[in-house]
Amino acid sequence: MNERGYSEVLKLKVETDIQAESGRSLKLTNADITVNGQTLFPPLTRRLIAGVNQQLNLDRLEQSGITARILHLDFSQGQVNVATFMQVRPEAIAIFKRRR
């Protein structure tokens, strides 16, 4: 990762498991984050992962008129297989048109 204005390169490595929870969210678990080869302070890792998990909650879309569910999530043989359901209500289309 290279931040504009800085010449130093930051080596960021994130290893985590991912699972679908009740079809409503993706959840990162067993996270390990290293920065330039140093393990990130565990409480900071937990807070970062909690923030990401909050963003991966599909219930957040409901207020925009979108219902989304994860029906199947499988990682095998170097592939990701995902089956989802999505319903877009008319009010969602109106919201997105206004944002343009």
C-alpha atoms as a PDB file:
ATOM      1  CA  MET A   1       0.000   0.000   0.000  1.00  0.00           C
ATOM      2  CA  ASN A   2       1.424   3.379  -0.949  1.00  0.00           C
ATOM      3  CA  GLU A   3      -0.181   6.525   0.470  1.00  0.00           C
ATOM      4  CA  ARG A   4       0.099   9.546  -1.798  1.00  0.00           C
ATOM      5  CA  GLY A   5       2.815  11.875  -0.588  1.00  0.00           C
ATOM      6  CA  TYR A   6       4.770   9.143   1.230  1.00  0.00           C
ATOM      7  CA  SER A   7       7.631   7.250  -0.349  1.00  0.00           C
ATOM      8  CA  GLU A   8       7.624   4.394   2.184  1.00  0.00           C
ATOM      9  CA  VAL A   9       5.735   1.258   1.161  1.00  0.00           C
ATOM     10  CA  LEU A  10       3.496  -0.245   3.832  1.00  0.00           C
ATOM     11  CA  LYS A  11       3.281  -4.033   3.684  1.00  0.00           C
ATOM     12  CA  LEU A  12      -0.149  -5.031   4.929  1.00  0.00           C
ATOM     13  CA  LYS A  13      -1.139  -8.690   5.235  1.00  0.00           C
ATOM     14  CA  VAL A  14      -4.622  -9.793   6.309  1.00  0.00           C
ATOM     15  CA  GLU A  15      -5.532 -13.440   6.816  1.00  0.00           C
ATOM     16  CA  THR A  16      -9.047 -14.308   7.902  1.00  0.00           C
ATOM     17  CA  ASP A  17     -11.792 -16.889   7.676  1.00  0.00           C
ATOM     18  CA  ILE A  18     -15.113 -15.798   6.220  1.00  0.00           C
ATOM     19  CA  GLN A  19     -18.533 -17.263   6.840  1.00  0.00           C
ATOM     20  CA  ALA A  20     -22.161 -16.479   6.090  1.00  0.00           C
ATOM     21  CA  GLU A  21     -24.300 -15.872   9.177  1.00  0.00           C
ATOM     22  CA  SER A  22     -28.019 -16.592   8.951  1.00  0.00           C
ATOM     23  CA  GLY A  23     -27.910 -15.547   5.306  1.00  0.00           C
ATOM     24  CA  ARG A  24     -27.927 -11.914   6.418  1.00  0.00           C
ATOM     25  CA  SER A  25     -24.255 -11.105   6.723  1.00  0.00           C
ATOM     26  CA  LEU A  26     -20.723 -12.137   5.989  1.00  0.00           C
ATOM     27  CA  LYS A  27     -18.488 -12.385   9.009  1.00  0.00           C
ATOM     28  CA  LEU A  28     -14.709 -12.300   9.163  1.00  0.00           C
ATOM     29  CA  THR A  29     -13.294 -14.520  11.917  1.00  0.00           C
ATOM     30  CA  ASN A  30      -9.878 -15.624  13.139  1.00  0.00           C
ATOM     31  CA  ALA A  31      -8.289 -12.517  11.678  1.00  0.00           C
ATOM     32  CA  ASP A  32      -4.551 -12.004  11.702  1.00  0.00           C
ATOM     33  CA  ILE A  33      -3.211  -8.658  10.485  1.00  0.00           C
ATOM     34  CA  THR A  34       0.451  -7.813  10.087  1.00  0.00           C
ATOM     35  CA  VAL A  35       1.959  -4.474   9.126  1.00  0.00           C
ATOM     36  CA  ASN A  36       5.530  -4.558   7.831  1.00  0.00           C
ATOM     37  CA  GLY A  37       5.879  -8.050   9.335  1.00  0.00           C
ATOM     38  CA  GLN A  38       4.696  -6.991  12.799  1.00  0.00           C
ATOM     39  CA  THR A  39       1.460  -8.403  14.218  1.00  0.00           C
ATOM     40  CA  LEU A  40      -1.089  -5.657  14.732  1.00  0.00           C
ATOM     41  CA  PHE A  41      -2.107  -5.016  18.357  1.00  0.00           C
ATOM     42  CA  PRO A  42      -4.935  -7.592  18.940  1.00  0.00           C
ATOM     43  CA  PRO A  43      -7.490  -5.099  20.343  1.00  0.00           C
ATOM     44  CA  LEU A  44      -6.978  -2.928  17.244  1.00  0.00           C
ATOM     45  CA  THR A  45      -7.396  -5.978  14.992  1.00  0.00           C
ATOM     46  CA  ARG A  46     -10.669  -6.830  16.761  1.00  0.00           C
ATOM     47  CA  ARG A  47     -11.983  -3.276  16.330  1.00  0.00           C
ATOM     48  CA  LEU A  48     -11.050  -3.149  12.646  1.00  0.00           C
ATOM     49  CA  ILE A  49     -12.665  -6.529  11.953  1.00  0.00           C
ATOM     50  CA  ALA A  50     -15.794  -5.519  13.907  1.00  0.00           C
ATOM     51  CA  GLY A  51     -16.085  -2.425  11.697  1.00  0.00           C
ATOM     52  CA  VAL A  52     -15.695  -4.474   8.526  1.00  0.00           C
ATOM     53  CA  ASN A  53     -18.245  -7.018   9.777  1.00  0.00           C
ATOM     54  CA  GLN A  54     -20.729  -4.219  10.407  1.00  0.00           C
ATOM     55  CA  GLN A  55     -20.329  -3.093   6.784  1.00  0.00           C
ATOM     56  CA  LEU A  56     -20.855  -6.670   5.553  1.00  0.00           C
ATOM     57  CA  ASN A  57     -24.302  -6.890   7.185  1.00  0.00           C
ATOM     58  CA  LEU A  58     -26.885  -7.066   4.392  1.00  0.00           C
ATOM     59  CA  ASP A  59     -29.626  -5.710   6.666  1.00  0.00           C
ATOM     60  CA  ARG A  60     -28.073  -2.282   6.019  1.00  0.00           C
ATOM     61  CA  LEU A  61     -29.594  -2.418   2.528  1.00  0.00           C
ATOM     62  CA  GLU A  62     -33.163  -2.837   3.816  1.00  0.00           C
ATOM     63  CA  GLN A  63     -33.607   0.892   4.476  1.00  0.00           C
ATOM     64  CA  SER A  64     -32.832   1.522   0.794  1.00  0.00           C
ATOM     65  CA  GLY A  65     -35.496  -0.920  -0.380  1.00  0.00           C
ATOM     66  CA  ILE A  66     -33.178  -3.828  -1.129  1.00  0.00           C
ATOM     67  CA  THR A  67     -33.436  -7.281   0.408  1.00  0.00           C
ATOM     68  CA  ALA A  68     -30.372  -9.472  -0.065  1.00  0.00           C
ATOM     69  CA  ARG A  69     -29.558 -12.895   1.351  1.00  0.00           C
ATOM     70  CA  ILE A  70     -26.638 -15.273   1.086  1.00  0.00           C
ATOM     71  CA  LEU A  71     -28.036 -18.718   0.389  1.00  0.00           C
ATOM     72  CA  HIS A  72     -24.749 -20.581  -0.009  1.00  0.00           C
ATOM     73  CA  LEU A  73     -21.083 -19.749   0.490  1.00  0.00           C
ATOM     74  CA  ASP A  74     -18.340 -22.267  -0.188  1.00  0.00           C
ATOM     75  CA  PHE A  75     -14.580 -22.000  -0.578  1.00  0.00           C
ATOM     76  CA  SER A  76     -13.014 -25.051  -2.177  1.00  0.00           C
ATOM     77  CA  GLN A  77     -10.312 -25.930  -4.684  1.00  0.00           C
ATOM     78  CA  GLY A  78      -9.219 -22.310  -5.014  1.00  0.00           C
ATOM     79  CA  GLN A  79     -12.722 -21.144  -5.939  1.00  0.00           C
ATOM     80  CA  VAL A  80     -15.497 -19.236  -4.231  1.00  0.00           C
ATOM     81  CA  ASN A  81     -19.050 -20.377  -4.892  1.00  0.00           C
ATOM     82  CA  VAL A  82     -21.807 -18.013  -3.793  1.00  0.00           C
ATOM     83  CA  ALA A  83     -25.567 -18.233  -4.251  1.00  0.00           C
ATOM     84  CA  THR A  84     -27.578 -15.137  -3.352  1.00  0.00           C
ATOM     85  CA  PHE A  85     -31.116 -13.792  -3.447  1.00  0.00           C
ATOM     86  CA  MET A  86     -31.872 -10.137  -4.088  1.00  0.00           C
ATOM     87  CA  GLN A  87     -35.122  -8.209  -4.243  1.00  0.00           C
ATOM     88  CA  VAL A  88     -35.094  -4.580  -5.346  1.00  0.00           C
ATOM     89  CA  ARG A  89     -38.264  -2.656  -4.487  1.00  0.00           C
ATOM     90  CA  PRO A  90     -39.342   0.389  -6.553  1.00  0.00           C
ATOM     91  CA  GLU A  91     -38.334   2.817  -3.798  1.00  0.00           C
ATOM     92  CA  ALA A  92     -34.740   1.558  -4.113  1.00  0.00           C
ATOM     93  CA  ILE A  93     -34.633   2.547  -7.761  1.00  0.00           C
ATOM     94  CA  ALA A  94     -35.935   6.022  -6.898  1.00  0.00           C
ATOM     95  CA  ILE A  95     -33.273   6.437  -4.197  1.00  0.00           C
ATOM     96  CA  PHE A  96     -30.461   5.520  -6.596  1.00  0.00           C
ATOM     97  CA  LYS A  97     -31.789   7.833  -9.320  1.00  0.00           C
ATOM     98  CA  ARG A  98     -31.763  10.749  -6.853  1.00  0.00           C
ATOM     99  CA  ARG A  99     -28.126  10.023  -5.916  1.00  0.00           C
ATOM    100  CA  ARG A 100     -26.902  10.456  -9.490  1.00  0.00           C
END
